Amino acid sequence: MRVCLVDDNATLGGQIWRGLQANSARNHPLGRYFLHWTERLKRTRCDIFTGWQAIGQPAPHLLRIERAGEFQDLRFHKLILATGARERFLPFPGWTLPGVIGAGGLQAFVKAGLDAQGKRVVVAGTGPLLLAVAAGLRDAGVSMIGVYEQAPLSQLLRFGFTLARHPGKLAEGIRYRRKLGGVPYRTSCWVVRAEGCGQIERVVVTDGHREWTHDCDWLACGFHLVPNLELPRLLGCNIADGYVAVDSLQQTSVVDIACVGELTGIGGIEKAMLEGEIAGWAAAGDKVKALASARKLKRLHEFAQRLERAFALRDELRALPAADTVVCRCEDVPHAALSECGSWREAKLHTRCGMGPCQGRICGSAAEYLFGWKCSGVRPPVYPAEASAIAARVDSSESG
């Protein structure tokens, strides 16, 4: 079989292994897996496209990819999508100030070489990513002020007791917490607002009863993850309960298209890699091996469901935005304008919310939570691209 891997990052590794090299991987908690898979990949005849983005499907079984104005059409017989997830951002007064950064975004910047030495940082929001980000920032030399998790302690304890069935994840969490020795970690707390003149200078935090303030240089804030559903939606895959619906072999409602990883449920690296293995065997025509691997998935799917329940967003977060708090950053749409609308479609028509460069990737998930809207529209190109790449005709002789 001829196999092609398309990755929109400049190097392989995704978010977990971002920026790792052969030497640095040896000191990374999951570095041995990175070395194993990259070495294994080198021994194959896989065609690797790094730095390319899939922008559309100009014809059946044809994927158009683009990079810096150039494009190619890749014809496929089987397609496996692993587009991952992004952080959910929820608006609050001051969240658009420079220095307020997504928790995972700041982690990515530091991995890419951003000098964080001595910066005063508050980490807030929800999800297991907060601990991982805080531990990584501590290693990078920041002055960690505190970690604030909006989920109540009771939910986290119930979730923690179930980790006995996942010793690797339990050990990982303990390792992160040890790295944060001396750093306050508080549950049932969330950011009320960020303050500053042209740059964040302080952040106000609450536990629902009282408020207090921290001076800081950066606020790393994210409210768990949402899957990147734009490409599966464009290709016609059925979405159920916020994720791509797949069968036991990771196959979607569209023939010859499979989805793996966070697209089918936020569950971490172990689930993503096992689903990738299943989809790979199925694409290669070995249903027996695919089903054998699929039998191991139940435990990981249950973990993903418990994870979602443990870090469910509290109702108080809906009341954070003021009338003039911007919700759609691309089009500068305030909360007051959106509160007068009855649906995502109406909001787009009357305010242009979700019609800017990010195409609703930031404000869409926020609007779903704040107003209960279903934000599902998508059209090509999936990412901003040159007009020439969008308008080009399909070469009928293209063999892929």
Protein backbone atom coordinates (compact mmCIF):
# COMPACT_ATOMS: atom_id res chain seq x y z
CA MET A 1 0.00 0.00 0.00
CA ARG A 2 1.08 3.56 -0.65
CA VAL A 3 0.71 5.60 2.53
CA CYS A 4 0.84 9.38 2.93
CA LEU A 5 0.98 11.39 6.15
CA VAL A 6 -0.08 15.06 6.05
CA ASP A 7 0.74 17.14 9.15
CA ASP A 8 0.04 20.87 9.42
CA ASN A 9 2.95 21.28 11.86
CA ALA A 10 6.45 21.96 10.61
CA THR A 11 7.68 18.78 12.31
CA LEU A 12 6.04 15.56 13.42
CA GLY A 13 4.80 15.15 16.97
CA GLY A 14 1.55 17.03 17.38
CA GLN A 15 0.82 18.85 20.63
CA ILE A 16 2.12 16.16 23.00
CA TRP A 17 5.53 15.81 21.33
CA ARG A 18 5.75 19.31 19.86
CA GLY A 19 9.31 20.46 19.33
CA LEU A 20 10.95 17.22 20.45
CA GLN A 21 14.19 16.08 18.86
CA ALA A 22 16.18 12.89 19.36
CA ASN A 23 18.21 14.40 22.23
CA SER A 24 15.43 16.29 24.03
CA ALA A 25 13.00 13.37 23.78
CA ARG A 26 15.08 11.34 26.22
CA ASN A 27 14.18 13.78 29.02
CA HIS A 28 10.48 13.97 28.12
CA PRO A 29 8.01 11.83 30.13
CA LEU A 30 6.61 10.35 26.91
CA GLY A 31 9.78 10.75 24.89
CA ARG A 32 10.42 7.04 24.45
CA TYR A 33 7.14 6.72 22.56
CA PHE A 34 8.12 9.63 20.32
CA LEU A 35 11.47 7.99 19.53
CA HIS A 36 9.83 4.62 18.93
CA TRP A 37 7.23 5.93 16.49
CA THR A 38 9.48 8.35 14.59
CA GLU A 39 12.17 5.69 14.13
CA ARG A 40 9.53 3.23 12.99
CA LEU A 41 8.15 5.78 10.55
CA LYS A 42 11.60 6.38 9.06
CA ARG A 43 11.82 2.69 8.16
CA THR A 44 8.68 2.86 6.05
CA ARG A 45 8.08 4.20 2.57
CA CYS A 46 5.47 6.63 3.88
CA ASP A 47 5.29 9.95 2.01
CA ILE A 48 5.39 12.73 4.61
CA PHE A 49 4.01 16.23 4.03
CA THR A 50 4.79 18.59 6.93
CA GLY A 51 3.59 22.17 7.07
CA TRP A 52 0.60 21.46 4.80
CA GLN A 53 -3.06 22.04 5.66
CA ALA A 54 -6.08 20.27 4.22
CA ILE A 55 -8.39 22.99 2.90
CA GLY A 56 -11.10 21.07 1.08
CA GLN A 57 -12.36 18.19 -1.02
CA PRO A 58 -12.73 19.39 -4.64
CA ALA A 59 -13.93 15.97 -5.80
CA PRO A 60 -14.80 12.60 -4.23
CA HIS A 61 -11.76 10.81 -2.78
CA LEU A 62 -9.62 13.89 -3.40
CA LEU A 63 -8.10 16.03 -0.65
CA ARG A 64 -6.69 19.44 -1.50
CA ILE A 65 -3.76 20.54 0.68
CA GLU A 66 -2.09 23.96 0.74
CA ARG A 67 1.14 25.46 2.03
CA ALA A 68 2.31 29.06 1.60
CA GLY A 69 0.29 29.57 -1.56
CA GLU A 70 1.13 26.29 -3.28
CA PHE A 71 -1.33 23.42 -3.35
CA GLN A 72 -1.63 19.76 -4.27
CA ASP A 73 -4.50 17.36 -4.75
CA LEU A 74 -4.07 13.99 -3.06
CA ARG A 75 -6.27 11.18 -4.30
CA PHE A 76 -7.04 8.61 -1.63
CA HIS A 77 -8.72 5.23 -1.33
CA LYS A 78 -8.83 5.39 2.47
CA LEU A 79 -8.64 8.54 4.60
CA ILE A 80 -7.93 8.63 8.35
CA LEU A 81 -8.54 11.97 10.04
CA ALA A 82 -6.70 12.85 13.25
CA THR A 83 -7.25 16.61 13.45
CA GLY A 84 -7.12 16.67 17.25
CA ALA A 85 -8.65 19.29 19.49
CA ARG A 86 -8.24 22.91 20.46
CA GLU A 87 -8.77 24.78 23.69
CA ARG A 88 -12.15 26.15 24.59
CA PHE A 89 -12.06 29.83 25.47
CA LEU A 90 -14.81 31.48 27.49
CA PRO A 91 -15.05 35.28 27.49
CA PHE A 92 -14.71 37.37 30.63
CA PRO A 93 -13.86 41.06 31.07
CA GLY A 94 -10.25 41.61 30.02
CA TRP A 95 -9.76 38.26 28.26
CA THR A 96 -8.60 40.06 25.08
CA LEU A 97 -5.75 41.88 26.85
CA PRO A 98 -2.23 41.02 25.63
CA GLY A 99 -0.77 38.55 28.10
CA VAL A 100 -3.98 36.53 28.42
CA ILE A 101 -3.05 33.36 26.54
CA GLY A 102 -4.60 29.94 26.11
CA ALA A 103 -3.02 27.44 28.50
CA GLY A 104 -2.11 25.05 25.69
CA GLY A 105 -1.12 27.99 23.49
CA LEU A 106 1.39 29.22 26.06
CA GLN A 107 2.68 25.67 26.43
CA ALA A 108 3.22 25.52 22.65
CA PHE A 109 5.01 28.89 22.64
CA VAL A 110 7.38 27.80 25.40
CA LYS A 111 8.08 24.50 23.62
CA ALA A 112 8.90 26.53 20.52
CA GLY A 113 11.47 28.61 22.41
CA LEU A 114 9.60 31.50 24.09
CA ASP A 115 11.67 32.79 27.01
CA ALA A 116 9.47 32.44 30.10
CA GLN A 117 12.22 32.90 32.70
CA GLY A 118 10.97 34.91 35.69
CA LYS A 119 7.50 35.65 34.31
CA ARG A 120 4.72 35.77 36.90
CA VAL A 121 2.01 33.38 35.70
CA VAL A 122 -1.48 32.40 36.82
CA VAL A 123 -2.95 29.24 35.28
CA ALA A 124 -6.75 28.98 35.36
CA GLY A 125 -9.69 27.28 33.72
CA THR A 126 -10.45 23.57 33.75
CA GLY A 127 -9.12 20.21 32.66
CA PRO A 128 -6.06 18.02 33.24
CA LEU A 129 -4.11 20.20 30.82
CA LEU A 130 -3.80 22.86 33.50
CA LEU A 131 -1.45 20.74 35.63
CA ALA A 132 0.64 19.70 32.63
CA VAL A 133 0.98 23.32 31.48
CA ALA A 134 1.82 24.59 34.95
CA ALA A 135 4.48 21.89 35.44
CA GLY A 136 6.02 22.66 32.06
CA LEU A 137 6.08 26.38 32.78
CA ARG A 138 7.69 25.73 36.15
CA ASP A 139 10.42 23.78 34.35
CA ALA A 140 10.85 26.76 32.00
CA GLY A 141 11.63 29.02 34.95
CA VAL A 142 8.41 30.98 35.47
CA SER A 143 7.28 32.29 38.83
CA MET A 144 4.10 30.26 39.22
CA ILE A 145 1.55 32.19 41.30
CA GLY A 146 -1.25 29.65 41.39
CA VAL A 147 -3.36 27.12 39.53
CA TYR A 148 -7.14 27.62 39.67
CA GLU A 149 -9.50 24.82 38.61
CA GLN A 150 -13.20 25.63 38.28
CA ALA A 151 -14.37 22.04 38.91
CA PRO A 152 -15.28 21.21 42.52
CA LEU A 153 -13.01 18.99 44.58
CA SER A 154 -15.74 16.36 45.01
CA GLN A 155 -15.88 15.75 41.24
CA LEU A 156 -12.11 15.58 40.96
CA LEU A 157 -11.85 13.10 43.83
CA ARG A 158 -14.44 10.80 42.24
CA PHE A 159 -12.48 10.99 39.01
CA GLY A 160 -9.19 10.42 40.83
CA PHE A 161 -10.42 7.21 42.46
CA THR A 162 -11.12 5.73 39.02
CA LEU A 163 -7.51 6.30 37.93
CA ALA A 164 -6.49 3.12 39.74
CA ARG A 165 -7.50 1.43 36.47
CA HIS A 166 -5.13 3.75 34.61
CA PRO A 167 -1.88 3.65 36.61
CA GLY A 168 0.07 5.45 33.89
CA LYS A 169 -2.26 8.45 33.99
CA LEU A 170 -2.26 8.44 37.78
CA ALA A 171 1.56 8.44 37.85
CA GLU A 172 1.60 11.27 35.31
CA GLY A 173 -0.71 13.40 37.44
CA ILE A 174 1.36 12.76 40.57
CA ARG A 175 4.52 13.68 38.68
CA TYR A 176 3.05 17.01 37.58
CA ARG A 177 1.83 17.80 41.09
CA ARG A 178 5.27 17.12 42.55
CA LYS A 179 6.81 19.54 40.10
CA LEU A 180 4.42 22.16 41.44
CA GLY A 181 5.45 21.72 45.05
CA GLY A 182 4.66 24.92 46.94
CA VAL A 183 2.41 26.31 44.21
CA PRO A 184 -1.22 26.82 45.36
CA TYR A 185 -3.70 24.55 43.54
CA ARG A 186 -7.29 25.45 44.31
CA THR A 187 -10.51 23.90 43.08
CA SER A 188 -13.93 25.58 42.71
CA CYS A 189 -12.14 28.80 41.72
CA TRP A 190 -12.25 30.74 38.47
CA VAL A 191 -11.15 34.01 36.90
CA VAL A 192 -13.61 36.90 37.16
CA ARG A 193 -11.67 39.44 35.10
CA ALA A 194 -8.23 40.46 33.88
CA GLU A 195 -7.10 44.05 34.39
CA GLY A 196 -4.38 46.23 32.93
CA CYS A 197 -3.61 49.19 30.69
CA GLY A 198 -2.75 47.78 27.25
CA GLN A 199 -1.35 44.62 28.88
CA ILE A 200 -2.50 42.32 31.65
CA GLU A 201 -1.23 43.53 35.01
CA ARG A 202 -3.42 41.60 37.42
CA VAL A 203 -6.15 38.98 37.52
CA VAL A 204 -9.16 38.76 39.81
CA VAL A 205 -10.13 35.27 41.00
CA THR A 206 -13.17 34.07 42.95
CA ASP A 207 -14.38 30.98 44.77
CA GLY A 208 -17.99 32.12 44.48
CA HIS A 209 -17.94 33.79 47.90
CA ARG A 210 -15.02 36.20 47.86
CA GLU A 211 -12.62 37.70 45.34
CA TRP A 212 -8.87 38.29 45.47
CA THR A 213 -6.27 39.73 43.09
CA HIS A 214 -2.87 38.56 41.83
CA ASP A 215 -0.36 40.72 39.98
CA CYS A 216 0.92 38.79 36.97
CA ASP A 217 2.61 39.03 33.57
CA TRP A 218 0.68 36.20 31.91
CA LEU A 219 -2.64 34.49 32.49
CA ALA A 220 -2.75 31.00 30.94
CA CYS A 221 -6.44 30.22 30.69
CA GLY A 222 -8.36 27.44 28.96
CA PHE A 223 -11.60 25.56 29.59
CA HIS A 224 -10.78 22.01 28.52
CA LEU A 225 -10.81 20.95 24.86
CA VAL A 226 -13.18 20.81 21.90
CA PRO A 227 -12.53 18.63 18.83
CA ASN A 228 -11.51 20.15 15.48
CA LEU A 229 -14.59 19.03 13.57
CA GLU A 230 -14.30 21.35 10.56
CA LEU A 231 -12.73 18.86 8.15
CA PRO A 232 -14.92 15.86 9.15
CA ARG A 233 -18.00 18.09 8.81
CA LEU A 234 -16.88 19.33 5.40
CA LEU A 235 -16.43 15.74 4.25
CA GLY A 236 -19.94 14.85 5.43
CA CYS A 237 -19.15 12.76 8.53
CA ASN A 238 -22.00 12.39 10.99
CA ILE A 239 -21.54 14.26 14.28
CA ALA A 240 -23.24 13.02 17.46
CA ASP A 241 -23.09 14.68 20.90
CA GLY A 242 -20.23 16.93 19.81
CA TYR A 243 -17.96 14.21 18.37
CA VAL A 244 -17.62 12.26 15.13
CA ALA A 245 -19.70 9.09 15.24
CA VAL A 246 -17.63 5.99 14.40
CA ASP A 247 -18.11 2.22 14.47
CA SER A 248 -15.89 -0.39 16.11
CA LEU A 249 -13.30 0.01 13.32
CA GLN A 250 -13.25 3.84 13.63
CA GLN A 251 -15.16 4.17 10.35
CA THR A 252 -17.42 7.20 9.98
CA SER A 253 -20.76 7.52 8.21
CA VAL A 254 -18.81 8.31 5.01
CA VAL A 255 -17.42 5.25 3.25
CA ASP A 256 -13.61 5.00 3.33
CA ILE A 257 -13.19 7.80 5.91
CA ALA A 258 -12.16 7.02 9.50
CA CYS A 259 -11.63 9.32 12.48
CA VAL A 260 -9.38 8.81 15.50
CA GLY A 261 -8.22 10.60 18.62
CA GLU A 262 -9.94 13.62 20.12
CA LEU A 263 -12.38 13.71 17.20
CA THR A 264 -14.22 10.77 18.75
CA GLY A 265 -13.90 11.89 22.40
CA ILE A 266 -11.38 13.78 24.53
CA GLY A 267 -9.38 10.93 26.05
CA GLY A 268 -5.65 11.56 25.72
CA ILE A 269 -2.73 9.96 23.96
CA GLU A 270 -3.37 6.30 24.87
CA LYS A 271 -6.87 6.33 23.39
CA ALA A 272 -5.73 8.25 20.30
CA MET A 273 -2.88 5.86 19.53
CA LEU A 274 -5.03 2.76 19.97
CA GLU A 275 -7.74 4.19 17.73
CA GLY A 276 -5.09 5.05 15.16
CA GLU A 277 -3.87 1.45 15.26
CA ILE A 278 -7.41 0.17 14.71
CA ALA A 279 -8.03 2.52 11.80
CA GLY A 280 -4.67 1.62 10.29
CA TRP A 281 -5.33 -2.13 10.38
CA ALA A 282 -8.82 -1.57 8.97
CA ALA A 283 -7.48 0.60 6.11
CA ALA A 284 -4.94 -2.12 5.35
CA GLY A 285 -7.75 -4.67 5.09
CA ASP A 286 -6.85 -6.68 8.19
CA LYS A 287 -10.17 -6.70 10.02
CA VAL A 288 -9.09 -9.44 12.44
CA LYS A 289 -6.23 -7.38 13.90
CA ALA A 290 -8.37 -4.26 13.86
CA LEU A 291 -11.11 -5.94 15.91
CA ALA A 292 -8.56 -7.45 18.29
CA SER A 293 -7.29 -3.94 19.07
CA ALA A 294 -10.83 -2.55 19.25
CA ARG A 295 -11.64 -4.84 22.18
CA LYS A 296 -9.13 -2.89 24.28
CA LEU A 297 -10.92 0.41 23.71
CA LYS A 298 -13.83 0.08 26.14
CA ARG A 299 -11.75 1.02 29.17
CA LEU A 300 -10.37 4.11 27.41
CA HIS A 301 -13.80 5.23 26.21
CA GLU A 302 -15.09 4.99 29.77
CA PHE A 303 -12.12 7.10 30.90
CA ALA A 304 -13.00 9.76 28.31
CA GLN A 305 -16.59 9.89 29.58
CA ARG A 306 -15.47 10.22 33.21
CA LEU A 307 -13.03 12.94 32.18
CA GLU A 308 -15.83 14.93 30.56
CA ARG A 309 -18.03 14.63 33.63
CA ALA A 310 -15.25 15.55 36.04
CA PHE A 311 -14.42 18.80 34.27
CA ALA A 312 -17.94 19.85 33.28
CA LEU A 313 -18.30 23.63 33.21
CA ARG A 314 -20.15 25.26 36.10
CA ASP A 315 -23.14 27.51 35.43
CA GLU A 316 -21.50 30.53 37.07
CA LEU A 317 -19.16 30.88 34.09
CA ARG A 318 -22.09 31.89 31.87
CA ALA A 319 -22.49 35.07 33.92
CA LEU A 320 -18.89 36.23 33.51
CA PRO A 321 -19.19 38.39 30.36
CA ALA A 322 -20.33 41.98 30.81
CA ALA A 323 -22.51 43.61 28.16
CA ASP A 324 -19.45 45.10 26.43
CA THR A 325 -17.26 41.98 26.73
CA VAL A 326 -16.14 40.93 23.27
CA VAL A 327 -17.17 37.36 22.40
CA CYS A 328 -16.16 37.26 18.71
CA ARG A 329 -12.66 38.72 18.55
CA CYS A 330 -12.39 38.64 14.76
CA GLU A 331 -15.45 40.88 14.24
CA ASP A 332 -15.46 42.69 17.63
CA VAL A 333 -18.94 41.47 18.55
CA PRO A 334 -19.89 42.15 22.20
CA HIS A 335 -21.99 39.92 24.41
CA ALA A 336 -24.90 42.38 24.41
CA ALA A 337 -25.30 42.12 20.64
CA LEU A 338 -25.36 38.33 20.74
CA SER A 339 -27.82 38.15 23.64
CA GLU A 340 -30.42 39.71 21.36
CA CYS A 341 -30.10 36.86 18.84
CA GLY A 342 -31.95 33.56 18.95
CA SER A 343 -29.54 31.27 17.10
CA TRP A 344 -26.04 30.97 15.67
CA ARG A 345 -27.40 31.66 12.19
CA GLU A 346 -29.17 34.80 13.37
CA ALA A 347 -26.02 35.95 15.14
CA LYS A 348 -23.98 35.52 11.95
CA LEU A 349 -26.54 37.35 9.85
CA HIS A 350 -26.94 40.31 12.20
CA THR A 351 -23.49 40.64 13.82
CA ARG A 352 -21.04 38.70 11.59
CA CYS A 353 -20.11 36.62 14.65
CA GLY A 354 -18.09 33.61 13.49
CA MET A 355 -17.44 35.04 10.02
CA GLY A 356 -13.92 36.36 10.60
CA PRO A 357 -10.56 34.71 9.89
CA CYS A 358 -11.00 32.00 12.56
CA GLN A 359 -14.43 31.07 11.15
CA GLY A 360 -15.96 30.58 14.57
CA ARG A 361 -13.24 28.35 16.02
CA ILE A 362 -12.99 30.58 19.10
CA CYS A 363 -16.42 32.18 19.47
CA GLY A 364 -18.37 29.14 18.25
CA SER A 365 -17.68 26.91 21.24
CA ALA A 366 -18.15 29.90 23.57
CA ALA A 367 -21.54 30.67 22.00
CA GLU A 368 -22.60 27.05 22.32
CA TYR A 369 -21.94 27.21 26.04
CA LEU A 370 -23.22 30.73 26.70
CA PHE A 371 -26.41 30.58 24.64
CA GLY A 372 -27.00 26.88 23.94
CA TRP A 373 -26.71 27.38 20.17
CA LYS A 374 -25.69 24.69 17.73
CA CYS A 375 -22.73 26.10 15.80
CA SER A 376 -22.17 23.62 12.99
CA GLY A 377 -21.72 25.52 9.73
CA VAL A 378 -18.60 24.85 7.69
CA ARG A 379 -17.54 25.47 4.11
CA PRO A 380 -14.32 25.32 2.13
CA PRO A 381 -11.62 26.36 2.59
CA VAL A 382 -11.26 24.84 6.04
CA TYR A 383 -8.34 27.22 6.67
CA PRO A 384 -7.53 30.56 5.01
CA ALA A 385 -5.85 29.84 1.67
CA GLU A 386 -4.75 31.57 -1.51
CA ALA A 387 -7.56 32.24 -3.99
CA SER A 388 -5.59 30.29 -6.61
CA ALA A 389 -5.63 27.19 -4.38
CA ILE A 390 -9.37 27.52 -3.77
CA ALA A 391 -10.38 28.18 -7.39
CA ALA A 392 -8.09 25.72 -9.16
CA ARG A 393 -9.74 23.04 -11.22
CA VAL A 394 -9.22 19.38 -10.51
CA ASP A 395 -6.71 17.69 -12.78
CA SER A 396 -8.58 14.67 -14.12
CA SER A 397 -5.27 12.88 -14.64
CA GLU A 398 -4.29 13.28 -10.96
CA SER A 399 -3.47 9.84 -9.55
CA GLY A 400 -2.45 10.90 -6.00
